[in-house]
PDB file of N, CA and C in Angstrom:
ATOM      1  N   MET A   1     -45.507 -67.900  62.711  1.00  0.00           N
ATOM      2  CA  MET A   1     -46.841 -68.411  62.543  1.00  0.00           C
ATOM      3  C   MET A   1     -46.763 -69.912  62.292  1.00  0.00           C
ATOM      4  N   THR A   2     -47.523 -70.670  63.031  1.00  0.00           N
ATOM      5  CA  THR A   2     -47.503 -72.123  62.866  1.00  0.00           C
ATOM      6  C   THR A   2     -48.496 -72.529  61.789  1.00  0.00           C
ATOM      7  N   LYS A   3     -48.161 -73.595  61.099  1.00  0.00           N
ATOM      8  CA  LYS A   3     -49.026 -74.085  60.038  1.00  0.00           C
ATOM      9  C   LYS A   3     -50.126 -74.950  60.645  1.00  0.00           C
ATOM     10  N   ARG A   4     -51.344 -74.692  60.256  1.00  0.00           N
ATOM     11  CA  ARG A   4     -52.508 -75.415  60.769  1.00  0.00           C
ATOM     12  C   ARG A   4     -52.724 -76.682  59.939  1.00  0.00           C
ATOM     13  N   THR A   5     -53.097 -77.755  60.613  1.00  0.00           N
ATOM     14  CA  THR A   5     -53.375 -78.989  59.885  1.00  0.00           C
ATOM     15  C   THR A   5     -54.690 -78.838  59.125  1.00  0.00           C
ATOM     16  N   ARG A   6     -54.821 -79.610  58.079  1.00  0.00           N
ATOM     17  CA  ARG A   6     -56.018 -79.533  57.245  1.00  0.00           C
ATOM     18  C   ARG A   6     -57.233 -80.039  58.017  1.00  0.00           C
ATOM     19  N   ARG A   7     -58.317 -79.279  57.941  1.00  0.00           N
ATOM     20  CA  ARG A   7     -59.533 -79.650  58.645  1.00  0.00           C
ATOM     21  C   ARG A   7     -60.615 -80.056  57.650  1.00  0.00           C
ATOM     22  N   ASN A   8     -61.420 -81.016  58.038  1.00  0.00           N
ATOM     23  CA  ASN A   8     -62.563 -81.437  57.246  1.00  0.00           C
ATOM     24  C   ASN A   8     -63.818 -81.040  58.006  1.00  0.00           C
ATOM     25  N   HIS A   9     -64.631 -80.203  57.388  1.00  0.00           N
ATOM     26  CA  HIS A   9     -65.840 -79.725  58.036  1.00  0.00           C
ATOM     27  C   HIS A   9     -67.027 -80.577  57.603  1.00  0.00           C
ATOM     28  N   THR A  10     -67.957 -80.781  58.505  1.00  0.00           N
ATOM     29  CA  THR A  10     -69.147 -81.562  58.199  1.00  0.00           C
ATOM     30  C   THR A  10     -70.087 -80.746  57.318  1.00  0.00           C
ATOM     31  N   ARG A  11     -71.004 -81.443  56.663  1.00  0.00           N
ATOM     32  CA  ARG A  11     -71.997 -80.773  55.827  1.00  0.00           C
ATOM     33  C   ARG A  11     -72.859 -79.840  56.668  1.00  0.00           C
ATOM     34  N   ALA A  12     -73.193 -80.281  57.866  1.00  0.00           N
ATOM     35  CA  ALA A  12     -74.038 -79.470  58.739  1.00  0.00           C
ATOM     36  C   ALA A  12     -73.332 -78.157  59.103  1.00  0.00           C
ATOM     37  N   PHE A  13     -72.036 -78.230  59.378  1.00  0.00           N
ATOM     38  CA  PHE A  13     -71.281 -77.024  59.727  1.00  0.00           C
ATOM     39  C   PHE A  13     -71.229 -76.067  58.540  1.00  0.00           C
ATOM     40  N   LYS A  14     -70.958 -76.614  57.348  1.00  0.00           N
ATOM     41  CA  LYS A  14     -70.893 -75.783  56.146  1.00  0.00           C
ATOM     42  C   LYS A  14     -72.232 -75.100  55.888  1.00  0.00           C
ATOM     43  N   ALA A  15     -73.315 -75.844  56.068  1.00  0.00           N
ATOM     44  CA  ALA A  15     -74.646 -75.267  55.852  1.00  0.00           C
ATOM     45  C   ALA A  15     -74.926 -74.164  56.862  1.00  0.00           C
ATOM     46  N   LYS A  16     -74.532 -74.394  58.094  1.00  0.00           N
ATOM     47  CA  LYS A  16     -74.740 -73.401  59.156  1.00  0.00           C
ATOM     48  C   LYS A  16     -74.000 -72.105  58.830  1.00  0.00           C
ATOM     49  N   VAL A  17     -72.754 -72.226  58.393  1.00  0.00           N
ATOM     50  CA  VAL A  17     -71.946 -71.049  58.072  1.00  0.00           C
ATOM     51  C   VAL A  17     -72.514 -70.337  56.846  1.00  0.00           C
ATOM     52  N   ALA A  18     -72.878 -71.111  55.822  1.00  0.00           N
ATOM     53  CA  ALA A  18     -73.409 -70.519  54.594  1.00  0.00           C
ATOM     54  C   ALA A  18     -74.740 -69.806  54.858  1.00  0.00           C
ATOM     55  N   LEU A  19     -75.598 -70.394  55.667  1.00  0.00           N
ATOM     56  CA  LEU A  19     -76.867 -69.741  56.000  1.00  0.00           C
ATOM     57  C   LEU A  19     -76.646 -68.450  56.776  1.00  0.00           C
ATOM     58  N   ALA A  20     -75.672 -68.472  57.670  1.00  0.00           N
ATOM     59  CA  ALA A  20     -75.348 -67.250  58.417  1.00  0.00           C
ATOM     60  C   ALA A  20     -74.864 -66.164  57.460  1.00  0.00           C
ATOM     61  N   ALA A  21     -74.118 -66.550  56.435  1.00  0.00           N
ATOM     62  CA  ALA A  21     -73.625 -65.578  55.457  1.00  0.00           C
ATOM     63  C   ALA A  21     -74.775 -65.036  54.612  1.00  0.00           C
ATOM     64  N   ILE A  22     -75.721 -65.891  54.259  1.00  0.00           N
ATOM     65  CA  ILE A  22     -76.862 -65.457  53.450  1.00  0.00           C
ATOM     66  C   ILE A  22     -77.758 -64.507  54.240  1.00  0.00           C
ATOM     67  N   LYS A  23     -77.905 -64.745  55.528  1.00  0.00           N
ATOM     68  CA  LYS A  23     -78.738 -63.867  56.365  1.00  0.00           C
ATOM     69  C   LYS A  23     -78.217 -62.433  56.320  1.00  0.00           C
ATOM     70  N   GLY A  24     -76.911 -62.266  56.257  1.00  0.00           N
ATOM     71  CA  GLY A  24     -76.322 -60.938  56.140  1.00  0.00           C
ATOM     72  C   GLY A  24     -76.319 -60.128  57.418  1.00  0.00           C
ATOM     73  N   GLU A  25     -76.542 -60.763  58.550  1.00  0.00           N
ATOM     74  CA  GLU A  25     -76.548 -60.045  59.821  1.00  0.00           C
ATOM     75  C   GLU A  25     -75.143 -59.646  60.265  1.00  0.00           C
ATOM     76  N   LYS A  26     -74.141 -60.392  59.812  1.00  0.00           N
ATOM     77  CA  LYS A  26     -72.747 -60.102  60.154  1.00  0.00           C
ATOM     78  C   LYS A  26     -71.929 -60.040  58.875  1.00  0.00           C
ATOM     79  N   THR A  27     -70.796 -59.375  58.947  1.00  0.00           N
ATOM     80  CA  THR A  27     -69.902 -59.304  57.793  1.00  0.00           C
ATOM     81  C   THR A  27     -69.149 -60.621  57.651  1.00  0.00           C
ATOM     82  N   LEU A  28     -68.536 -60.796  56.492  1.00  0.00           N
ATOM     83  CA  LEU A  28     -67.741 -62.006  56.268  1.00  0.00           C
ATOM     84  C   LEU A  28     -66.601 -62.104  57.268  1.00  0.00           C
ATOM     85  N   ALA A  29     -65.993 -60.980  57.587  1.00  0.00           N
ATOM     86  CA  ALA A  29     -64.889 -60.988  58.548  1.00  0.00           C
ATOM     87  C   ALA A  29     -65.373 -61.433  59.929  1.00  0.00           C
ATOM     88  N   GLU A  30     -66.539 -60.968  60.330  1.00  0.00           N
ATOM     89  CA  GLU A  30     -67.084 -61.372  61.629  1.00  0.00           C
ATOM     90  C   GLU A  30     -67.432 -62.862  61.643  1.00  0.00           C
ATOM     91  N   LEU A  31     -68.033 -63.338  60.551  1.00  0.00           N
ATOM     92  CA  LEU A  31     -68.358 -64.763  60.457  1.00  0.00           C
ATOM     93  C   LEU A  31     -67.096 -65.616  60.446  1.00  0.00           C
ATOM     94  N   ALA A  32     -66.082 -65.150  59.728  1.00  0.00           N
ATOM     95  CA  ALA A  32     -64.820 -65.888  59.655  1.00  0.00           C
ATOM     96  C   ALA A  32     -64.198 -66.010  61.036  1.00  0.00           C
ATOM     97  N   GLN A  33     -64.257 -64.958  61.804  1.00  0.00           N
ATOM     98  CA  GLN A  33     -63.705 -65.000  63.151  1.00  0.00           C
ATOM     99  C   GLN A  33     -64.560 -65.872  64.067  1.00  0.00           C
ATOM    100  N   GLN A  34     -65.875 -65.790  63.922  1.00  0.00           N
ATOM    101  CA  GLN A  34     -66.780 -66.562  64.766  1.00  0.00           C
ATOM    102  C   GLN A  34     -66.622 -68.061  64.525  1.00  0.00           C
ATOM    103  N   PHE A  35     -66.545 -68.451  63.254  1.00  0.00           N
ATOM    104  CA  PHE A  35     -66.495 -69.874  62.914  1.00  0.00           C
ATOM    105  C   PHE A  35     -65.072 -70.383  62.672  1.00  0.00           C
ATOM    106  N   ASP A  36     -64.073 -69.506  62.777  1.00  0.00           N
ATOM    107  CA  ASP A  36     -62.668 -69.860  62.576  1.00  0.00           C
ATOM    108  C   ASP A  36     -62.441 -70.483  61.196  1.00  0.00           C
ATOM    109  N   VAL A  37     -62.959 -69.780  60.181  1.00  0.00           N
ATOM    110  CA  VAL A  37     -62.843 -70.213  58.788  1.00  0.00           C
ATOM    111  C   VAL A  37     -62.456 -68.988  57.968  1.00  0.00           C
ATOM    112  N   HIS A  38     -61.731 -69.193  56.878  1.00  0.00           N
ATOM    113  CA  HIS A  38     -61.315 -68.090  56.015  1.00  0.00           C
ATOM    114  C   HIS A  38     -62.532 -67.504  55.296  1.00  0.00           C
ATOM    115  N   PRO A  39     -62.575 -66.190  55.122  1.00  0.00           N
ATOM    116  CA  PRO A  39     -63.717 -65.559  54.437  1.00  0.00           C
ATOM    117  C   PRO A  39     -63.952 -66.095  53.021  1.00  0.00           C
ATOM    118  N   ASN A  40     -62.880 -66.418  52.305  1.00  0.00           N
ATOM    119  CA  ASN A  40     -63.048 -66.979  50.959  1.00  0.00           C
ATOM    120  C   ASN A  40     -63.777 -68.318  51.010  1.00  0.00           C
ATOM    121  N   GLN A  41     -63.529 -69.097  52.045  1.00  0.00           N
ATOM    122  CA  GLN A  41     -64.206 -70.390  52.198  1.00  0.00           C
ATOM    123  C   GLN A  41     -65.697 -70.176  52.445  1.00  0.00           C
ATOM    124  N   ILE A  42     -66.029 -69.159  53.229  1.00  0.00           N
ATOM    125  CA  ILE A  42     -67.432 -68.852  53.500  1.00  0.00           C
ATOM    126  C   ILE A  42     -68.135 -68.445  52.205  1.00  0.00           C
ATOM    127  N   THR A  43     -67.471 -67.633  51.401  1.00  0.00           N
ATOM    128  CA  THR A  43     -68.039 -67.207  50.126  1.00  0.00           C
ATOM    129  C   THR A  43     -68.270 -68.402  49.212  1.00  0.00           C
ATOM    130  N   GLN A  44     -67.332 -69.333  49.198  1.00  0.00           N
ATOM    131  CA  GLN A  44     -67.470 -70.523  48.365  1.00  0.00           C
ATOM    132  C   GLN A  44     -68.652 -71.375  48.832  1.00  0.00           C
ATOM    133  N   TRP A  45     -68.773 -71.608  50.119  1.00  0.00           N
ATOM    134  CA  TRP A  45     -69.881 -72.397  50.658  1.00  0.00           C
ATOM    135  C   TRP A  45     -71.212 -71.719  50.392  1.00  0.00           C
ATOM    136  N   LYS A  46     -71.243 -70.399  50.508  1.00  0.00           N
ATOM    137  CA  LYS A  46     -72.460 -69.643  50.248  1.00  0.00           C
ATOM    138  C   LYS A  46     -72.886 -69.831  48.787  1.00  0.00           C
ATOM    139  N   GLY A  47     -71.945 -69.754  47.874  1.00  0.00           N
ATOM    140  CA  GLY A  47     -72.235 -69.965  46.460  1.00  0.00           C
ATOM    141  C   GLY A  47     -72.755 -71.366  46.178  1.00  0.00           C
ATOM    142  N   GLN A  48     -72.148 -72.365  46.829  1.00  0.00           N
ATOM    143  CA  GLN A  48     -72.600 -73.747  46.646  1.00  0.00           C
ATOM    144  C   GLN A  48     -74.017 -73.930  47.170  1.00  0.00           C
ATOM    145  N   LEU A  49     -74.325 -73.266  48.277  1.00  0.00           N
ATOM    146  CA  LEU A  49     -75.666 -73.370  48.846  1.00  0.00           C
ATOM    147  C   LEU A  49     -76.688 -72.736  47.910  1.00  0.00           C
ATOM    148  N   VAL A  50     -76.372 -71.588  47.363  1.00  0.00           N
ATOM    149  CA  VAL A  50     -77.290 -70.905  46.454  1.00  0.00           C
ATOM    150  C   VAL A  50     -77.502 -71.742  45.187  1.00  0.00           C
ATOM    151  N   GLU A  51     -76.428 -72.312  44.639  1.00  0.00           N
ATOM    152  CA  GLU A  51     -76.539 -73.134  43.428  1.00  0.00           C
ATOM    153  C   GLU A  51     -77.350 -74.402  43.678  1.00  0.00           C
ATOM    154  N   GLY A  52     -77.175 -75.018  44.842  1.00  0.00           N
ATOM    155  CA  GLY A  52     -77.840 -76.274  45.128  1.00  0.00           C
ATOM    156  C   GLY A  52     -79.211 -76.130  45.760  1.00  0.00           C
ATOM    157  N   ALA A  53     -79.653 -74.914  45.989  1.00  0.00           N
ATOM    158  CA  ALA A  53     -80.930 -74.704  46.666  1.00  0.00           C
ATOM    159  C   ALA A  53     -82.101 -75.240  45.849  1.00  0.00           C
ATOM    160  N   ALA A  54     -82.027 -75.171  44.536  1.00  0.00           N
ATOM    161  CA  ALA A  54     -83.126 -75.658  43.699  1.00  0.00           C
ATOM    162  C   ALA A  54     -83.301 -77.168  43.842  1.00  0.00           C
ATOM    163  N   GLY A  55     -82.236 -77.871  44.148  1.00  0.00           N
ATOM    164  CA  GLY A  55     -82.312 -79.316  44.322  1.00  0.00           C
ATOM    165  C   GLY A  55     -83.137 -79.733  45.526  1.00  0.00           C
ATOM    166  N   VAL A  56     -83.301 -78.842  46.478  1.00  0.00           N
ATOM    167  CA  VAL A  56     -84.093 -79.145  47.667  1.00  0.00           C
ATOM    168  C   VAL A  56     -85.558 -79.345  47.291  1.00  0.00           C
ATOM    169  N   PHE A  57     -85.996 -78.630  46.269  1.00  0.00           N
ATOM    170  CA  PHE A  57     -87.394 -78.677  45.875  1.00  0.00           C
ATOM    171  C   PHE A  57     -87.627 -79.557  44.652  1.00  0.00           C
ATOM    172  N   GLY A  58     -86.662 -80.421  44.346  1.00  0.00           N
ATOM    173  CA  GLY A  58     -86.781 -81.315  43.200  1.00  0.00           C
ATOM    174  C   GLY A  58     -87.863 -82.358  43.406  1.00  0.00           C
ATOM    175  N   ARG A  59     -88.255 -82.973  42.323  1.00  0.00           N
ATOM    176  CA  ARG A  59     -89.290 -84.008  42.375  1.00  0.00           C
ATOM    177  C   ARG A  59     -88.694 -85.363  42.695  1.00  0.00           C
ATOM    178  N   GLY A  60     -89.488 -86.208  43.314  1.00  0.00           N
ATOM    179  CA  GLY A  60     -89.121 -87.604  43.526  1.00  0.00           C
ATOM    180  C   GLY A  60     -87.934 -87.793  44.440  1.00  0.00           C
ATOM    181  N   LYS A  61     -87.217 -88.874  44.162  1.00  0.00           N
ATOM    182  CA  LYS A  61     -86.069 -89.260  44.986  1.00  0.00           C
ATOM    183  C   LYS A  61     -84.863 -88.381  44.692  1.00  0.00           C
ATOM    184  N   ALA A  62     -83.952 -88.375  45.635  1.00  0.00           N
ATOM    185  CA  ALA A  62     -82.692 -87.664  45.433  1.00  0.00           C
ATOM    186  C   ALA A  62     -81.875 -88.397  44.377  1.00  0.00           C
ATOM    187  N   GLU A  63     -81.201 -87.655  43.518  1.00  0.00           N
ATOM    188  CA  GLU A  63     -80.423 -88.249  42.441  1.00  0.00           C
ATOM    189  C   GLU A  63     -79.160 -88.940  42.945  1.00  0.00           C
ATOM    190  N   ASP A  64     -78.674 -88.517  44.110  1.00  0.00           N
ATOM    191  CA  ASP A  64     -77.428 -89.061  44.628  1.00  0.00           C
ATOM    192  C   ASP A  64     -77.624 -90.339  45.421  1.00  0.00           C
ATOM    193  N   GLY A  65     -78.838 -90.857  45.465  1.00  0.00           N
ATOM    194  CA  GLY A  65     -79.115 -92.060  46.241  1.00  0.00           C
ATOM    195  C   GLY A  65     -78.417 -93.267  45.633  1.00  0.00           C
ATOM    196  N   PRO A  66     -78.234 -94.299  46.425  1.00  0.00           N
ATOM    197  CA  PRO A  66     -77.568 -95.486  45.914  1.00  0.00           C
ATOM    198  C   PRO A  66     -78.429 -96.186  44.865  1.00  0.00           C
ATOM    199  N   ALA A  67     -77.769 -96.788  43.906  1.00  0.00           N
ATOM    200  CA  ALA A  67     -78.468 -97.509  42.850  1.00  0.00           C
ATOM    201  C   ALA A  67     -79.106 -98.762  43.435  1.00  0.00           C
ATOM    202  N   PRO A  68     -80.258 -99.189  42.908  1.00  0.00           N
ATOM    203  CA  PRO A  68     -80.889-100.405  43.418  1.00  0.00           C
ATOM    204  C   PRO A  68     -79.999-101.622  43.161  1.00  0.00           C
ATOM    205  N   VAL A  69     -80.003-102.545  44.115  1.00  0.00           N
ATOM    206  CA  VAL A  69     -79.135-103.715  44.040  1.00  0.00           C
ATOM    207  C   VAL A  69     -79.995-104.952  43.813  1.00  0.00           C
ATOM    208  N   ASP A  70     -79.575-105.789  42.862  1.00  0.00           N
ATOM    209  CA  ASP A  70     -80.272-107.040  42.585  1.00  0.00           C
ATOM    210  C   ASP A  70     -79.674-108.121  43.481  1.00  0.00           C
ATOM    211  N   LEU A  71     -80.354-108.397  44.594  1.00  0.00           N
ATOM    212  CA  LEU A  71     -79.824-109.354  45.567  1.00  0.00           C
ATOM    213  C   LEU A  71     -79.774-110.772  45.006  1.00  0.00           C
ATOM    214  N   LYS A  72     -80.738-111.137  44.184  1.00  0.00           N
ATOM    215  CA  LYS A  72     -80.735-112.489  43.620  1.00  0.00           C
ATOM    216  C   LYS A  72     -79.484-112.719  42.782  1.00  0.00           C
ATOM    217  N   ALA A  73     -79.130-111.731  41.977  1.00  0.00           N
ATOM    218  CA  ALA A  73     -77.937-111.860  41.136  1.00  0.00           C
ATOM    219  C   ALA A  73     -76.680-111.940  42.010  1.00  0.00           C
ATOM    220  N   LEU A  74     -76.634-111.150  43.067  1.00  0.00           N
ATOM    221  CA  LEU A  74     -75.466-111.175  43.949  1.00  0.00           C
ATOM    222  C   LEU A  74     -75.349-112.521  44.671  1.00  0.00           C
ATOM    223  N   HIS A  75     -76.462-113.051  45.153  1.00  0.00           N
ATOM    224  CA  HIS A  75     -76.435-114.354  45.821  1.00  0.00           C
ATOM    225  C   HIS A  75     -76.027-115.456  44.849  1.00  0.00           C
ATOM    226  N   ALA A  76     -76.496-115.361  43.606  1.00  0.00           N
ATOM    227  CA  ALA A  76     -76.117-116.346  42.596  1.00  0.00           C
ATOM    228  C   ALA A  76     -74.619-116.283  42.326  1.00  0.00           C
ATOM    229  N   LYS A  77     -74.077-115.072  42.259  1.00  0.00           N
ATOM    230  CA  LYS A  77     -72.648-114.911  42.001  1.00  0.00           C
ATOM    231  C   LYS A  77     -71.825-115.456  43.168  1.00  0.00           C
ATOM    232  N   VAL A  78     -72.269-115.195  44.401  1.00  0.00           N
ATOM    233  CA  VAL A  78     -71.568-115.716  45.574  1.00  0.00           C
ATOM    234  C   VAL A  78     -71.562-117.241  45.540  1.00  0.00           C
ATOM    235  N   GLY A  79     -72.701-117.840  45.211  1.00  0.00           N
ATOM    236  CA  GLY A  79     -72.780-119.298  45.116  1.00  0.00           C
ATOM    237  C   GLY A  79     -71.865-119.849  44.040  1.00  0.00           C
ATOM    238  N   GLU A  80     -71.837-119.157  42.909  1.00  0.00           N
ATOM    239  CA  GLU A  80     -70.976-119.584  41.800  1.00  0.00           C
ATOM    240  C   GLU A  80     -69.503-119.531  42.202  1.00  0.00           C
ATOM    241  N   LEU A  81     -69.106-118.464  42.855  1.00  0.00           N
ATOM    242  CA  LEU A  81     -67.707-118.324  43.273  1.00  0.00           C
ATOM    243  C   LEU A  81     -67.344-119.336  44.356  1.00  0.00           C
ATOM    244  N   ALA A  82     -68.267-119.621  45.254  1.00  0.00           N
ATOM    245  CA  ALA A  82     -68.013-120.623  46.289  1.00  0.00           C
ATOM    246  C   ALA A  82     -67.819-121.996  45.647  1.00  0.00           C
ATOM    247  N   LEU A  83     -68.639-122.300  44.638  1.00  0.00           N
ATOM    248  CA  LEU A  83     -68.521-123.573  43.927  1.00  0.00           C
ATOM    249  C   LEU A  83     -67.165-123.670  43.219  1.00  0.00           C
ATOM    250  N   GLU A  84     -66.752-122.590  42.581  1.00  0.00           N
ATOM    251  CA  GLU A  84     -65.447-122.576  41.907  1.00  0.00           C
ATOM    252  C   GLU A  84     -64.313-122.772  42.913  1.00  0.00           C
ATOM    253  N   ASN A  85     -64.397-122.109  44.046  1.00  0.00           N
ATOM    254  CA  ASN A  85     -63.353-122.256  45.068  1.00  0.00           C
ATOM    255  C   ASN A  85     -63.265-123.692  45.566  1.00  0.00           C
ATOM    256  N   ASP A  86     -64.416-124.314  45.815  1.00  0.00           N
ATOM    257  CA  ASP A  86     -64.425-125.705  46.265  1.00  0.00           C
ATOM    258  C   ASP A  86     -63.830-126.622  45.210  1.00  0.00           C
ATOM    259  N   PHE A  87     -64.186-126.384  43.951  1.00  0.00           N
ATOM    260  CA  PHE A  87     -63.658-127.211  42.863  1.00  0.00           C
ATOM    261  C   PHE A  87     -62.141-127.079  42.761  1.00  0.00           C
ATOM    262  N   LEU A  88     -61.670-125.824  42.793  1.00  0.00           N
ATOM    263  CA  LEU A  88     -60.230-125.601  42.671  1.00  0.00           C
ATOM    264  C   LEU A  88     -59.468-126.132  43.879  1.00  0.00           C
ATOM    265  N   GLU A  89     -60.043-126.034  45.053  1.00  0.00           N
ATOM    266  CA  GLU A  89     -59.399-126.572  46.244  1.00  0.00           C
ATOM    267  C   GLU A  89     -59.257-128.093  46.120  1.00  0.00           C
ATOM    268  N   GLY A  90     -60.309-128.750  45.625  1.00  0.00           N
ATOM    269  CA  GLY A  90     -60.256-130.202  45.430  1.00  0.00           C
ATOM    270  C   GLY A  90     -59.224-130.594  44.383  1.00  0.00           C
ATOM    271  N   ALA A  91     -59.157-129.821  43.305  1.00  0.00           N
ATOM    272  CA  ALA A  91     -58.199-130.116  42.241  1.00  0.00           C
ATOM    273  C   ALA A  91     -56.767-129.943  42.740  1.00  0.00           C
ATOM    274  N   LEU A  92     -56.523-128.894  43.527  1.00  0.00           N
ATOM    275  CA  LEU A  92     -55.180-128.671  44.066  1.00  0.00           C
ATOM    276  C   LEU A  92     -54.804-129.754  45.074  1.00  0.00           C
ATOM    277  N   THR A  93     -55.765-130.189  45.848  1.00  0.00           N
ATOM    278  CA  THR A  93     -55.502-131.242  46.827  1.00  0.00           C
ATOM    279  C   THR A  93     -55.116-132.534  46.114  1.00  0.00           C
ATOM    280  N   LYS A  94     -55.841-132.884  45.057  1.00  0.00           N
ATOM    281  CA  LYS A  94     -55.539-134.107  44.287  1.00  0.00           C
ATOM    282  C   LYS A  94     -54.177-134.020  43.641  1.00  0.00           C
ATOM    283  N   ALA A  95     -53.788-132.816  43.222  1.00  0.00           N
ATOM    284  CA  ALA A  95     -52.500-132.639  42.561  1.00  0.00           C
ATOM    285  C   ALA A  95     -51.377-132.510  43.598  1.00  0.00           C
ATOM    286  N   GLY A  96     -51.713-132.405  44.869  1.00  0.00           N
ATOM    287  CA  GLY A  96     -50.716-132.273  45.918  1.00  0.00           C
ATOM    288  C   GLY A  96     -50.085-130.894  45.968  1.00  0.00           C
ATOM    289  N   LEU A  97     -50.789-129.890  45.457  1.00  0.00           N
ATOM    290  CA  LEU A  97     -50.241-128.531  45.409  1.00  0.00           C
ATOM    291  C   LEU A  97     -50.979-127.546  46.318  1.00  0.00           C
ATOM    292  N   GLN A  98     -51.851-128.042  47.161  1.00  0.00           N
ATOM    293  CA  GLN A  98     -52.639-127.132  47.995  1.00  0.00           C
ATOM    294  C   GLN A  98     -51.730-126.396  48.977  1.00  0.00           C
ATOM    295  N   ILE A  99     -51.930-125.092  49.019  1.00  0.00           N
ATOM    296  CA  ILE A  99     -51.165-124.218  49.899  1.00  0.00           C
ATOM    297  C   ILE A  99     -52.029-123.900  51.110  1.00  0.00           C
ATOM    298  N   GLU A 100     -51.509-124.102  52.289  1.00  0.00           N
ATOM    299  CA  GLU A 100     -52.274-123.849  53.510  1.00  0.00           C
ATOM    300  C   GLU A 100     -52.151-122.426  53.907  1.00  0.00           C
TER     301      GLU A 100
END
């Protein structure tokens, strides 16, 4: 028996398999053969889907969304760092130590 390389499944694929398992139209063995996934993996995905189902109906924004970014602060920091780099480059040039 040859060893199979590790596979990474997409979220859409996992959801598709888990929904098929929840429907109950086929056994785990049949689903495992159809989707070429181990039955234990299907059971795990099914459990994750059931646990996370309440989050679909949550209020407001998704909790996993990116945090808001303060662009003004970031632009100020970039300007500050550019100023420091220019200053240090000038100081190194005057000292004759600038590295190209």
